[in-house]
Amino acid sequence: RCDEINLNGSPIATNVERSTYAHAQKMRAAATFGFGRIHGLGMQAWHQSEISGKMLGNPSVSETVSSYMLSLRHRKTRAGETATSARAVTSQLLERLYHFNWRQSSAFFFSSQKAPKGRLGAHARFLLNLGYNLAFCGLLRVDELLKIQMQDISVSRNPRTGQTKLTLRLPFRKTILLNNLLDIKPFVWYEMPEEYQHICVVRAFSRWVLLSGLTEGYLFRKIRAGDRLAEENEPMTSEQFLELFRNNLLDIGVDFVPYGTHSFQRGGCQWLSVERRWPLRQICEWGGWSQEFTHLTIVKYLISWNDNPHVDRDDFFNMHRAPTTVCPTCNRSCHCA
């Protein structure tokens, strides 16, 4: 249904509409679930037993299927049928947005002035900054971000260091079934150093609570005309968040077309891997992503469920935790070395 050839190898007529690569991915995911959960074959890669000679594992998680999916994607790309992923935001772009929003909204933050008509006001800018930081540092989808409520967040102090600590406990995740909500692990952030103030979740949350005065209900309320916060407990829609984000990009002279709500999740993942030097396994654990990559040989060496964790989850974003072993080459002991 998605390829340009039939099962018997004959070409499909050009006037026949074919399904997209995304549809092929959904078909494979359904097959993987069917074999793994319904038929009880698990998520182990499809292989032949050295003892009995029988085929074991999940047929959908096989080297043949993986190679075919990769080939299909390449052919779809050459034909111009695959959608381009949203461009990842960078920490440098978020820094530009942060400083611009702070300059524009500081006058309204410290006084009763209102933003000129057609311009983003203090409420919109501070709320956007908080949304950027949470989605970027928490690798959150936009639907997870906009459904956060005040009761999902707690602020405390680390008894060991005295640092301010913000804990977010999401009430749901796309990858977690409703009957397994206890498996949702909390996100923990600490107040970051001054050089990371533009992506600091604790600072952004404190400013937003101080400005909005919210104590309950949705954290991301709808923004009404005149930069007014919705009085009713109604969450902001993903459409409004995307529109505000794109208007914010125009403020600093950046083309908004390549960017979308998924840009923060992709950008945060790249930032943690490239700049913060997090191991791949730790990124997957932090984002709540599956570590079942057994059909990719290299990942089998990088990720395994029975390996010992290198860092406690509560310290993932604690940039003041005790240093690690000194590198004999560069003589650095920080965790990002």
C-alpha atoms as a PDB file:
ATOM      1  CA  ARG A   1       0.000   0.000   0.000  1.00  0.00           C
ATOM      2  CA  CYS A   2       2.946   2.355   0.510  1.00  0.00           C
ATOM      3  CA  ASP A   3       5.507   1.030  -1.979  1.00  0.00           C
ATOM      4  CA  GLU A   4       5.692   1.400  -5.757  1.00  0.00           C
ATOM      5  CA  ILE A   5       5.894  -2.382  -6.316  1.00  0.00           C
ATOM      6  CA  ASN A   6       3.468  -5.226  -5.614  1.00  0.00           C
ATOM      7  CA  LEU A   7       4.287  -8.245  -3.469  1.00  0.00           C
ATOM      8  CA  ASN A   8       5.013 -10.244  -6.631  1.00  0.00           C
ATOM      9  CA  GLY A   9       7.575  -7.673  -7.801  1.00  0.00           C
ATOM     10  CA  SER A  10       5.433  -6.051 -10.501  1.00  0.00           C
ATOM     11  CA  PRO A  11       5.233  -2.237 -10.522  1.00  0.00           C
ATOM     12  CA  ILE A  12       2.120  -0.506  -9.221  1.00  0.00           C
ATOM     13  CA  ALA A  13       0.364   1.677 -11.774  1.00  0.00           C
ATOM     14  CA  THR A  14       1.267   5.365 -11.483  1.00  0.00           C
ATOM     15  CA  ASN A  15      -2.407   6.362 -11.252  1.00  0.00           C
ATOM     16  CA  VAL A  16      -2.863   4.301  -8.043  1.00  0.00           C
ATOM     17  CA  GLU A  17      -2.633   6.425  -4.894  1.00  0.00           C
ATOM     18  CA  ARG A  18      -0.091   5.070  -2.420  1.00  0.00           C
ATOM     19  CA  SER A  19      -0.012   5.573   1.340  1.00  0.00           C
ATOM     20  CA  THR A  20       2.675   7.687   2.998  1.00  0.00           C
ATOM     21  CA  TYR A  21       5.785   6.567   4.851  1.00  0.00           C
ATOM     22  CA  ALA A  22       4.135   7.646   8.120  1.00  0.00           C
ATOM     23  CA  HIS A  23       1.336   5.190   7.352  1.00  0.00           C
ATOM     24  CA  ALA A  24       3.922   2.452   6.813  1.00  0.00           C
ATOM     25  CA  GLN A  25       5.420   3.241  10.216  1.00  0.00           C
ATOM     26  CA  LYS A  26       1.982   2.926  11.832  1.00  0.00           C
ATOM     27  CA  MET A  27       1.423  -0.417  10.103  1.00  0.00           C
ATOM     28  CA  ARG A  28       4.736  -1.720  11.419  1.00  0.00           C
ATOM     29  CA  ALA A  29       3.987  -0.423  14.920  1.00  0.00           C
ATOM     30  CA  ALA A  30       0.627  -2.232  14.856  1.00  0.00           C
ATOM     31  CA  ALA A  31       2.324  -5.441  13.710  1.00  0.00           C
ATOM     32  CA  THR A  32       4.960  -5.109  16.416  1.00  0.00           C
ATOM     33  CA  PHE A  33       2.262  -4.647  19.070  1.00  0.00           C
ATOM     34  CA  GLY A  34       0.198  -7.540  17.711  1.00  0.00           C
ATOM     35  CA  PHE A  35       3.071 -10.009  17.692  1.00  0.00           C
ATOM     36  CA  GLY A  36       4.564  -8.752  20.954  1.00  0.00           C
ATOM     37  CA  ARG A  37       1.538  -8.214  23.207  1.00  0.00           C
ATOM     38  CA  ILE A  38      -1.402 -10.076  21.705  1.00  0.00           C
ATOM     39  CA  HIS A  39       0.532 -13.186  20.644  1.00  0.00           C
ATOM     40  CA  GLY A  40       3.004 -12.956  23.516  1.00  0.00           C
ATOM     41  CA  LEU A  41       6.189 -13.001  21.421  1.00  0.00           C
ATOM     42  CA  GLY A  42       7.765 -10.061  23.268  1.00  0.00           C
ATOM     43  CA  MET A  43      10.069  -7.395  21.823  1.00  0.00           C
ATOM     44  CA  GLN A  44      13.143  -9.549  21.240  1.00  0.00           C
ATOM     45  CA  ALA A  45      14.548  -9.394  17.712  1.00  0.00           C
ATOM     46  CA  TRP A  46      13.435 -12.126  15.291  1.00  0.00           C
ATOM     47  CA  HIS A  47      16.186 -14.776  15.243  1.00  0.00           C
ATOM     48  CA  GLN A  48      16.871 -18.477  14.930  1.00  0.00           C
ATOM     49  CA  SER A  49      17.529 -20.478  18.079  1.00  0.00           C
ATOM     50  CA  GLU A  50      20.979 -22.056  18.134  1.00  0.00           C
ATOM     51  CA  ILE A  51      19.606 -24.941  20.209  1.00  0.00           C
ATOM     52  CA  SER A  52      16.324 -25.916  18.576  1.00  0.00           C
ATOM     53  CA  GLY A  53      16.713 -24.212  15.216  1.00  0.00           C
ATOM     54  CA  LYS A  54      13.265 -22.624  15.585  1.00  0.00           C
ATOM     55  CA  MET A  55      12.557 -18.982  14.846  1.00  0.00           C
ATOM     56  CA  LEU A  56      12.009 -16.941  18.015  1.00  0.00           C
ATOM     57  CA  GLY A  57      11.167 -13.344  18.891  1.00  0.00           C
ATOM     58  CA  ASN A  58       9.043 -10.690  17.205  1.00  0.00           C
ATOM     59  CA  PRO A  59       8.938 -10.957  13.371  1.00  0.00           C
ATOM     60  CA  SER A  60       8.293  -7.211  13.071  1.00  0.00           C
ATOM     61  CA  VAL A  61      11.539  -6.488  14.940  1.00  0.00           C
ATOM     62  CA  SER A  62      13.836  -8.099  12.417  1.00  0.00           C
ATOM     63  CA  GLU A  63      16.829  -6.999  10.380  1.00  0.00           C
ATOM     64  CA  THR A  64      14.913  -7.650   7.148  1.00  0.00           C
ATOM     65  CA  VAL A  65      11.959  -5.438   8.116  1.00  0.00           C
ATOM     66  CA  SER A  66      14.293  -2.707   9.407  1.00  0.00           C
ATOM     67  CA  SER A  67      16.262  -2.733   6.142  1.00  0.00           C
ATOM     68  CA  TYR A  68      13.055  -2.562   4.132  1.00  0.00           C
ATOM     69  CA  MET A  69      11.726   0.399   6.141  1.00  0.00           C
ATOM     70  CA  LEU A  70      15.002   2.251   5.642  1.00  0.00           C
ATOM     71  CA  SER A  71      14.897   1.542   1.907  1.00  0.00           C
ATOM     72  CA  LEU A  72      11.263   2.661   1.718  1.00  0.00           C
ATOM     73  CA  ARG A  73      12.086   5.943   3.441  1.00  0.00           C
ATOM     74  CA  HIS A  74      14.936   6.641   1.019  1.00  0.00           C
ATOM     75  CA  ARG A  75      12.687   5.995  -1.973  1.00  0.00           C
ATOM     76  CA  LYS A  76       9.897   8.140  -0.504  1.00  0.00           C
ATOM     77  CA  THR A  77      12.405  10.930   0.112  1.00  0.00           C
ATOM     78  CA  ARG A  78      13.694  10.822  -3.477  1.00  0.00           C
ATOM     79  CA  ALA A  79      10.108  10.976  -4.688  1.00  0.00           C
ATOM     80  CA  GLY A  80       9.491  14.020  -2.487  1.00  0.00           C
ATOM     81  CA  GLU A  81       6.742  12.312  -0.496  1.00  0.00           C
ATOM     82  CA  THR A  82       8.151  12.385   3.041  1.00  0.00           C
ATOM     83  CA  ALA A  83       7.472  15.357   5.273  1.00  0.00           C
ATOM     84  CA  THR A  84      10.448  17.338   6.530  1.00  0.00           C
ATOM     85  CA  SER A  85      10.889  17.296  10.300  1.00  0.00           C
ATOM     86  CA  ALA A  86      10.536  20.576  12.137  1.00  0.00           C
ATOM     87  CA  ARG A  87      13.870  22.342  12.516  1.00  0.00           C
ATOM     88  CA  ALA A  88      15.370  21.896  15.962  1.00  0.00           C
ATOM     89  CA  VAL A  89      15.698  25.026  18.086  1.00  0.00           C
ATOM     90  CA  THR A  90      19.126  25.684  19.566  1.00  0.00           C
ATOM     91  CA  SER A  91      20.174  27.038  22.927  1.00  0.00           C
ATOM     92  CA  GLN A  92      21.549  30.088  21.085  1.00  0.00           C
ATOM     93  CA  LEU A  93      18.142  30.783  19.513  1.00  0.00           C
ATOM     94  CA  LEU A  94      16.435  30.451  22.894  1.00  0.00           C
ATOM     95  CA  GLU A  95      18.984  32.867  24.352  1.00  0.00           C
ATOM     96  CA  ARG A  96      18.107  35.461  21.706  1.00  0.00           C
ATOM     97  CA  LEU A  97      14.386  34.992  22.373  1.00  0.00           C
ATOM     98  CA  TYR A  98      14.927  35.229  26.137  1.00  0.00           C
ATOM     99  CA  HIS A  99      16.855  38.508  26.064  1.00  0.00           C
ATOM    100  CA  PHE A 100      14.474  40.085  23.539  1.00  0.00           C
ATOM    101  CA  ASN A 101      11.392  39.082  25.557  1.00  0.00           C
ATOM    102  CA  TRP A 102      12.958  40.290  28.798  1.00  0.00           C
ATOM    103  CA  ARG A 103      13.784  43.711  27.317  1.00  0.00           C
ATOM    104  CA  GLN A 104      10.328  44.080  25.766  1.00  0.00           C
ATOM    105  CA  SER A 105       8.362  42.975  28.808  1.00  0.00           C
ATOM    106  CA  SER A 106      10.422  44.437  31.674  1.00  0.00           C
ATOM    107  CA  ALA A 107       8.611  47.790  31.449  1.00  0.00           C
ATOM    108  CA  PHE A 108       5.224  46.069  31.705  1.00  0.00           C
ATOM    109  CA  PHE A 109       6.458  43.639  34.386  1.00  0.00           C
ATOM    110  CA  PHE A 110       7.491  46.373  36.805  1.00  0.00           C
ATOM    111  CA  SER A 111       4.608  48.748  36.043  1.00  0.00           C
ATOM    112  CA  SER A 112       0.939  48.772  35.051  1.00  0.00           C
ATOM    113  CA  GLN A 113       1.655  49.715  31.411  1.00  0.00           C
ATOM    114  CA  LYS A 114       0.067  47.629  28.670  1.00  0.00           C
ATOM    115  CA  ALA A 115       1.719  46.396  25.508  1.00  0.00           C
ATOM    116  CA  PRO A 116       0.926  48.308  22.299  1.00  0.00           C
ATOM    117  CA  LYS A 117      -1.816  46.821  20.142  1.00  0.00           C
ATOM    118  CA  GLY A 118      -0.556  43.985  17.973  1.00  0.00           C
ATOM    119  CA  ARG A 119       2.514  43.343  20.154  1.00  0.00           C
ATOM    120  CA  LEU A 120       3.105  40.512  22.597  1.00  0.00           C
ATOM    121  CA  GLY A 121       2.724  41.689  26.173  1.00  0.00           C
ATOM    122  CA  ALA A 122       4.445  40.628  29.380  1.00  0.00           C
ATOM    123  CA  HIS A 123       2.043  37.730  30.032  1.00  0.00           C
ATOM    124  CA  ALA A 124       2.562  36.219  26.591  1.00  0.00           C
ATOM    125  CA  ARG A 125       6.338  36.640  26.643  1.00  0.00           C
ATOM    126  CA  PHE A 126       6.893  35.240  30.141  1.00  0.00           C
ATOM    127  CA  LEU A 127       4.533  32.348  29.431  1.00  0.00           C
ATOM    128  CA  LEU A 128       6.327  31.586  26.166  1.00  0.00           C
ATOM    129  CA  ASN A 129       9.694  31.620  27.907  1.00  0.00           C
ATOM    130  CA  LEU A 130       8.427  29.099  30.454  1.00  0.00           C
ATOM    131  CA  GLY A 131       6.977  26.917  27.693  1.00  0.00           C
ATOM    132  CA  TYR A 132      10.231  27.014  25.722  1.00  0.00           C
ATOM    133  CA  ASN A 133      12.286  25.944  28.728  1.00  0.00           C
ATOM    134  CA  LEU A 134       9.967  23.154  29.866  1.00  0.00           C
ATOM    135  CA  ALA A 135       9.589  21.658  26.391  1.00  0.00           C
ATOM    136  CA  PHE A 136      13.309  22.042  25.603  1.00  0.00           C
ATOM    137  CA  CYS A 137      14.758  20.753  28.876  1.00  0.00           C
ATOM    138  CA  GLY A 138      12.023  18.170  29.509  1.00  0.00           C
ATOM    139  CA  LEU A 139      11.792  16.854  25.911  1.00  0.00           C
ATOM    140  CA  LEU A 140       8.026  17.332  26.176  1.00  0.00           C
ATOM    141  CA  ARG A 141       5.429  17.116  23.419  1.00  0.00           C
ATOM    142  CA  VAL A 142       3.206  20.160  23.098  1.00  0.00           C
ATOM    143  CA  ASP A 143       0.111  18.264  24.293  1.00  0.00           C
ATOM    144  CA  GLU A 144       1.986  17.208  27.439  1.00  0.00           C
ATOM    145  CA  LEU A 145       3.266  20.748  27.985  1.00  0.00           C
ATOM    146  CA  LEU A 146      -0.067  22.545  27.700  1.00  0.00           C
ATOM    147  CA  LYS A 147      -1.888  20.136  30.041  1.00  0.00           C
ATOM    148  CA  ILE A 148       0.440  20.770  32.991  1.00  0.00           C
ATOM    149  CA  GLN A 149      -1.429  22.052  36.053  1.00  0.00           C
ATOM    150  CA  MET A 150      -0.142  23.878  39.120  1.00  0.00           C
ATOM    151  CA  GLN A 151      -0.689  20.828  41.325  1.00  0.00           C
ATOM    152  CA  ASP A 152       1.682  18.848  39.098  1.00  0.00           C
ATOM    153  CA  ILE A 153       4.594  21.083  40.175  1.00  0.00           C
ATOM    154  CA  SER A 154       6.293  21.314  43.543  1.00  0.00           C
ATOM    155  CA  VAL A 155       9.173  23.578  44.584  1.00  0.00           C
ATOM    156  CA  SER A 156      11.504  22.636  47.420  1.00  0.00           C
ATOM    157  CA  ARG A 157      15.109  22.904  48.554  1.00  0.00           C
ATOM    158  CA  ASN A 158      17.732  20.229  48.285  1.00  0.00           C
ATOM    159  CA  PRO A 159      18.574  19.349  51.902  1.00  0.00           C
ATOM    160  CA  ARG A 160      22.186  18.582  50.978  1.00  0.00           C
ATOM    161  CA  THR A 161      23.106  21.719  49.025  1.00  0.00           C
ATOM    162  CA  GLY A 162      20.288  24.173  49.752  1.00  0.00           C
ATOM    163  CA  GLN A 163      19.575  24.576  46.017  1.00  0.00           C
ATOM    164  CA  THR A 164      16.072  25.390  44.797  1.00  0.00           C
ATOM    165  CA  LYS A 165      14.563  22.298  43.182  1.00  0.00           C
ATOM    166  CA  LEU A 166      11.485  22.119  40.934  1.00  0.00           C
ATOM    167  CA  THR A 167       9.761  18.751  40.464  1.00  0.00           C
ATOM    168  CA  LEU A 168       7.221  18.108  37.722  1.00  0.00           C
ATOM    169  CA  ARG A 169       5.019  15.001  37.857  1.00  0.00           C
ATOM    170  CA  LEU A 170       3.092  14.637  34.620  1.00  0.00           C
ATOM    171  CA  PRO A 171      -0.381  13.077  35.033  1.00  0.00           C
ATOM    172  CA  PHE A 172      -0.021  11.234  31.715  1.00  0.00           C
ATOM    173  CA  ARG A 173       2.465  10.331  28.987  1.00  0.00           C
ATOM    174  CA  LYS A 174       1.818   9.272  25.426  1.00  0.00           C
ATOM    175  CA  THR A 175       4.080   6.263  25.879  1.00  0.00           C
ATOM    176  CA  ILE A 176       2.572   5.139  29.220  1.00  0.00           C
ATOM    177  CA  LEU A 177      -0.703   3.211  29.428  1.00  0.00           C
ATOM    178  CA  LEU A 178      -3.415   4.507  31.779  1.00  0.00           C
ATOM    179  CA  ASN A 179      -3.075   1.513  34.079  1.00  0.00           C
ATOM    180  CA  ASN A 180       0.671   2.128  34.450  1.00  0.00           C
ATOM    181  CA  LEU A 181       0.632   5.784  35.572  1.00  0.00           C
ATOM    182  CA  LEU A 182       2.895   4.922  38.498  1.00  0.00           C
ATOM    183  CA  ASP A 183       5.627   4.227  35.915  1.00  0.00           C
ATOM    184  CA  ILE A 184       5.762   7.936  34.981  1.00  0.00           C
ATOM    185  CA  LYS A 185       8.973   9.262  36.500  1.00  0.00           C
ATOM    186  CA  PRO A 186       9.179  12.885  37.685  1.00  0.00           C
ATOM    187  CA  PHE A 187      11.255  15.599  36.055  1.00  0.00           C
ATOM    188  CA  VAL A 188      13.610  17.358  38.468  1.00  0.00           C
ATOM    189  CA  TRP A 189      15.362  20.655  37.719  1.00  0.00           C
ATOM    190  CA  TYR A 190      17.619  22.853  39.810  1.00  0.00           C
ATOM    191  CA  GLU A 191      18.279  26.559  39.445  1.00  0.00           C
ATOM    192  CA  MET A 192      20.935  26.764  36.744  1.00  0.00           C
ATOM    193  CA  PRO A 193      24.068  28.943  36.703  1.00  0.00           C
ATOM    194  CA  GLU A 194      23.830  32.475  35.325  1.00  0.00           C
ATOM    195  CA  GLU A 195      25.122  31.477  31.894  1.00  0.00           C
ATOM    196  CA  TYR A 196      22.113  29.152  31.503  1.00  0.00           C
ATOM    197  CA  GLN A 197      19.483  31.617  32.723  1.00  0.00           C
ATOM    198  CA  HIS A 198      17.799  31.643  29.300  1.00  0.00           C
ATOM    199  CA  ILE A 199      16.806  27.961  29.604  1.00  0.00           C
ATOM    200  CA  CYS A 200      16.483  27.716  33.403  1.00  0.00           C
ATOM    201  CA  VAL A 201      13.113  26.144  34.247  1.00  0.00           C
ATOM    202  CA  VAL A 202      13.196  27.264  37.895  1.00  0.00           C
ATOM    203  CA  ARG A 203      13.766  30.940  37.034  1.00  0.00           C
ATOM    204  CA  ALA A 204      11.116  30.932  34.288  1.00  0.00           C
ATOM    205  CA  PHE A 205       8.535  29.280  36.545  1.00  0.00           C
ATOM    206  CA  SER A 206       9.224  31.738  39.382  1.00  0.00           C
ATOM    207  CA  ARG A 207       8.793  34.749  37.105  1.00  0.00           C
ATOM    208  CA  TRP A 208       5.571  33.411  35.621  1.00  0.00           C
ATOM    209  CA  VAL A 209       3.992  32.660  39.011  1.00  0.00           C
ATOM    210  CA  LEU A 210       5.026  36.098  40.286  1.00  0.00           C
ATOM    211  CA  LEU A 211       3.487  37.829  37.268  1.00  0.00           C
ATOM    212  CA  SER A 212       0.337  35.728  36.843  1.00  0.00           C
ATOM    213  CA  GLY A 213      -0.451  35.037  40.493  1.00  0.00           C
ATOM    214  CA  LEU A 214      -1.668  31.523  39.573  1.00  0.00           C
ATOM    215  CA  THR A 215      -2.016  29.066  42.440  1.00  0.00           C
ATOM    216  CA  GLU A 216      -4.149  26.339  40.849  1.00  0.00           C
ATOM    217  CA  GLY A 217      -5.461  25.114  37.516  1.00  0.00           C
ATOM    218  CA  TYR A 218      -3.671  24.989  34.191  1.00  0.00           C
ATOM    219  CA  LEU A 219      -0.191  26.495  34.096  1.00  0.00           C
ATOM    220  CA  PHE A 220      -0.589  27.585  30.465  1.00  0.00           C
ATOM    221  CA  ARG A 221      -3.837  29.568  30.281  1.00  0.00           C
ATOM    222  CA  LYS A 222      -5.197  31.064  27.101  1.00  0.00           C
ATOM    223  CA  ILE A 223      -4.009  34.581  26.299  1.00  0.00           C
ATOM    224  CA  ARG A 224      -6.925  36.881  25.468  1.00  0.00           C
ATOM    225  CA  ALA A 225      -6.890  40.173  23.578  1.00  0.00           C
ATOM    226  CA  GLY A 226      -4.916  42.911  25.262  1.00  0.00           C
ATOM    227  CA  ASP A 227      -2.484  40.405  26.818  1.00  0.00           C
ATOM    228  CA  ARG A 228      -5.131  39.316  29.327  1.00  0.00           C
ATOM    229  CA  LEU A 229      -4.886  35.919  30.971  1.00  0.00           C
ATOM    230  CA  ALA A 230      -8.050  33.834  30.667  1.00  0.00           C
ATOM    231  CA  GLU A 231      -9.985  33.976  33.930  1.00  0.00           C
ATOM    232  CA  GLU A 232     -11.559  30.563  33.376  1.00  0.00           C
ATOM    233  CA  ASN A 233      -9.429  27.451  33.818  1.00  0.00           C
ATOM    234  CA  GLU A 234      -9.007  26.875  30.090  1.00  0.00           C
ATOM    235  CA  PRO A 235      -5.661  25.648  28.726  1.00  0.00           C
ATOM    236  CA  MET A 236      -3.903  27.273  25.802  1.00  0.00           C
ATOM    237  CA  THR A 237      -4.341  25.397  22.537  1.00  0.00           C
ATOM    238  CA  SER A 238      -1.384  24.093  20.542  1.00  0.00           C
ATOM    239  CA  GLU A 239      -2.483  26.364  17.672  1.00  0.00           C
ATOM    240  CA  GLN A 240      -2.212  29.490  19.835  1.00  0.00           C
ATOM    241  CA  PHE A 241       1.132  28.401  21.279  1.00  0.00           C
ATOM    242  CA  LEU A 242       2.527  27.818  17.781  1.00  0.00           C
ATOM    243  CA  GLU A 243       1.200  31.179  16.552  1.00  0.00           C
ATOM    244  CA  LEU A 244       2.769  33.020  19.497  1.00  0.00           C
ATOM    245  CA  PHE A 245       6.051  31.156  19.018  1.00  0.00           C
ATOM    246  CA  ARG A 246       6.199  32.063  15.339  1.00  0.00           C
ATOM    247  CA  ASN A 247       5.369  35.711  16.072  1.00  0.00           C
ATOM    248  CA  ASN A 248       8.160  35.657  18.643  1.00  0.00           C
ATOM    249  CA  LEU A 249      10.594  34.393  15.997  1.00  0.00           C
ATOM    250  CA  LEU A 250       9.575  37.257  13.712  1.00  0.00           C
ATOM    251  CA  ASP A 251      10.421  39.637  16.569  1.00  0.00           C
ATOM    252  CA  ILE A 252      14.079  38.675  16.295  1.00  0.00           C
ATOM    253  CA  GLY A 253      14.114  38.422  12.490  1.00  0.00           C
ATOM    254  CA  VAL A 254      14.088  34.600  12.193  1.00  0.00           C
ATOM    255  CA  ASP A 255      12.103  32.823   9.480  1.00  0.00           C
ATOM    256  CA  PHE A 256       9.393  30.864  11.294  1.00  0.00           C
ATOM    257  CA  VAL A 257       8.474  28.482   8.435  1.00  0.00           C
ATOM    258  CA  PRO A 258      10.897  25.621   9.296  1.00  0.00           C
ATOM    259  CA  TYR A 259       9.897  25.594  12.977  1.00  0.00           C
ATOM    260  CA  GLY A 260       7.020  23.839  14.720  1.00  0.00           C
ATOM    261  CA  THR A 261       5.968  22.655  18.151  1.00  0.00           C
ATOM    262  CA  HIS A 262       8.178  19.568  17.737  1.00  0.00           C
ATOM    263  CA  SER A 263      11.239  21.810  17.369  1.00  0.00           C
ATOM    264  CA  PHE A 264      11.751  21.989  21.138  1.00  0.00           C
ATOM    265  CA  GLN A 265      11.785  18.234  21.698  1.00  0.00           C
ATOM    266  CA  ARG A 266      14.273  17.731  18.845  1.00  0.00           C
ATOM    267  CA  GLY A 267      16.368  20.715  19.918  1.00  0.00           C
ATOM    268  CA  GLY A 268      16.483  19.628  23.550  1.00  0.00           C
ATOM    269  CA  CYS A 269      17.578  16.138  22.561  1.00  0.00           C
ATOM    270  CA  GLN A 270      20.400  17.515  20.414  1.00  0.00           C
ATOM    271  CA  TRP A 271      21.458  19.972  23.129  1.00  0.00           C
ATOM    272  CA  LEU A 272      21.681  17.239  25.766  1.00  0.00           C
ATOM    273  CA  SER A 273      23.666  14.998  23.427  1.00  0.00           C
ATOM    274  CA  VAL A 274      26.001  17.496  21.735  1.00  0.00           C
ATOM    275  CA  GLU A 275      26.514  20.272  24.292  1.00  0.00           C
ATOM    276  CA  ARG A 276      25.814  18.597  27.623  1.00  0.00           C
ATOM    277  CA  ARG A 277      27.387  15.285  26.496  1.00  0.00           C
ATOM    278  CA  TRP A 278      24.658  13.137  28.023  1.00  0.00           C
ATOM    279  CA  PRO A 279      24.885   9.414  27.167  1.00  0.00           C
ATOM    280  CA  LEU A 280      22.213   8.165  24.773  1.00  0.00           C
ATOM    281  CA  ARG A 281      20.757   5.905  27.433  1.00  0.00           C
ATOM    282  CA  GLN A 282      20.364   8.800  29.874  1.00  0.00           C
ATOM    283  CA  ILE A 283      18.574  10.928  27.244  1.00  0.00           C
ATOM    284  CA  CYS A 284      16.107   8.084  26.571  1.00  0.00           C
ATOM    285  CA  GLU A 285      15.517   7.617  30.295  1.00  0.00           C
ATOM    286  CA  TRP A 286      14.991  11.346  30.879  1.00  0.00           C
ATOM    287  CA  GLY A 287      12.560  11.734  27.984  1.00  0.00           C
ATOM    288  CA  GLY A 288      10.664   8.561  28.832  1.00  0.00           C
ATOM    289  CA  TRP A 289      11.541   7.077  25.459  1.00  0.00           C
ATOM    290  CA  SER A 290      11.702   3.405  24.661  1.00  0.00           C
ATOM    291  CA  GLN A 291      15.086   1.733  24.933  1.00  0.00           C
ATOM    292  CA  GLU A 292      13.974  -1.256  22.834  1.00  0.00           C
ATOM    293  CA  PHE A 293      16.406  -0.734  19.954  1.00  0.00           C
ATOM    294  CA  THR A 294      17.561  -4.317  19.733  1.00  0.00           C
ATOM    295  CA  HIS A 295      17.440  -4.343  15.917  1.00  0.00           C
ATOM    296  CA  LEU A 296      20.189  -1.696  15.799  1.00  0.00           C
ATOM    297  CA  THR A 297      23.459  -3.433  16.619  1.00  0.00           C
ATOM    298  CA  ILE A 298      25.370  -0.411  17.934  1.00  0.00           C
ATOM    299  CA  VAL A 299      22.561   0.592  20.270  1.00  0.00           C
ATOM    300  CA  LYS A 300      22.624  -2.861  21.840  1.00  0.00           C
ATOM    301  CA  TYR A 301      26.087  -1.989  23.129  1.00  0.00           C
ATOM    302  CA  LEU A 302      25.034   1.501  24.269  1.00  0.00           C
ATOM    303  CA  ILE A 303      21.739   0.658  25.981  1.00  0.00           C
ATOM    304  CA  SER A 304      20.696  -2.299  28.072  1.00  0.00           C
ATOM    305  CA  TRP A 305      17.970  -2.433  30.712  1.00  0.00           C
ATOM    306  CA  ASN A 306      20.185  -4.324  33.171  1.00  0.00           C
ATOM    307  CA  ASP A 307      23.160  -1.921  33.102  1.00  0.00           C
ATOM    308  CA  ASN A 308      23.862   0.107  36.225  1.00  0.00           C
ATOM    309  CA  PRO A 309      22.718   3.757  35.960  1.00  0.00           C
ATOM    310  CA  HIS A 310      25.593   6.245  35.908  1.00  0.00           C
ATOM    311  CA  VAL A 311      23.686   9.208  37.388  1.00  0.00           C
ATOM    312  CA  ASP A 312      20.716   9.363  39.758  1.00  0.00           C
ATOM    313  CA  ARG A 313      17.651  10.800  37.980  1.00  0.00           C
ATOM    314  CA  ASP A 314      17.285  13.576  40.573  1.00  0.00           C
ATOM    315  CA  ASP A 315      20.755  14.844  39.610  1.00  0.00           C
ATOM    316  CA  PHE A 316      20.306  14.915  35.817  1.00  0.00           C
ATOM    317  CA  PHE A 317      19.926  18.721  35.841  1.00  0.00           C
ATOM    318  CA  ASN A 318      21.940  19.363  39.011  1.00  0.00           C
ATOM    319  CA  MET A 319      24.932  21.190  37.562  1.00  0.00           C
ATOM    320  CA  HIS A 320      26.469  21.608  41.047  1.00  0.00           C
ATOM    321  CA  ARG A 321      26.698  17.920  41.864  1.00  0.00           C
ATOM    322  CA  ALA A 322      30.032  16.513  42.960  1.00  0.00           C
ATOM    323  CA  PRO A 323      32.611  16.262  40.151  1.00  0.00           C
ATOM    324  CA  THR A 324      33.480  12.984  38.515  1.00  0.00           C
ATOM    325  CA  THR A 325      36.860  11.316  38.025  1.00  0.00           C
ATOM    326  CA  VAL A 326      39.500  13.689  36.665  1.00  0.00           C
ATOM    327  CA  CYS A 327      40.308  13.052  32.983  1.00  0.00           C
ATOM    328  CA  PRO A 328      44.052  12.253  32.682  1.00  0.00           C
ATOM    329  CA  THR A 329      44.168  13.960  29.253  1.00  0.00           C
ATOM    330  CA  CYS A 330      42.338  17.287  29.698  1.00  0.00           C
ATOM    331  CA  ASN A 331      42.414  17.381  33.530  1.00  0.00           C
ATOM    332  CA  ARG A 332      38.678  18.194  33.711  1.00  0.00           C
ATOM    333  CA  SER A 333      36.300  16.649  36.221  1.00  0.00           C
ATOM    334  CA  CYS A 334      32.940  18.192  35.210  1.00  0.00           C
ATOM    335  CA  HIS A 335      30.175  15.893  33.979  1.00  0.00           C
ATOM    336  CA  CYS A 336      30.014  17.543  30.542  1.00  0.00           C
ATOM    337  CA  ALA A 337      33.725  16.996  29.839  1.00  0.00           C
END
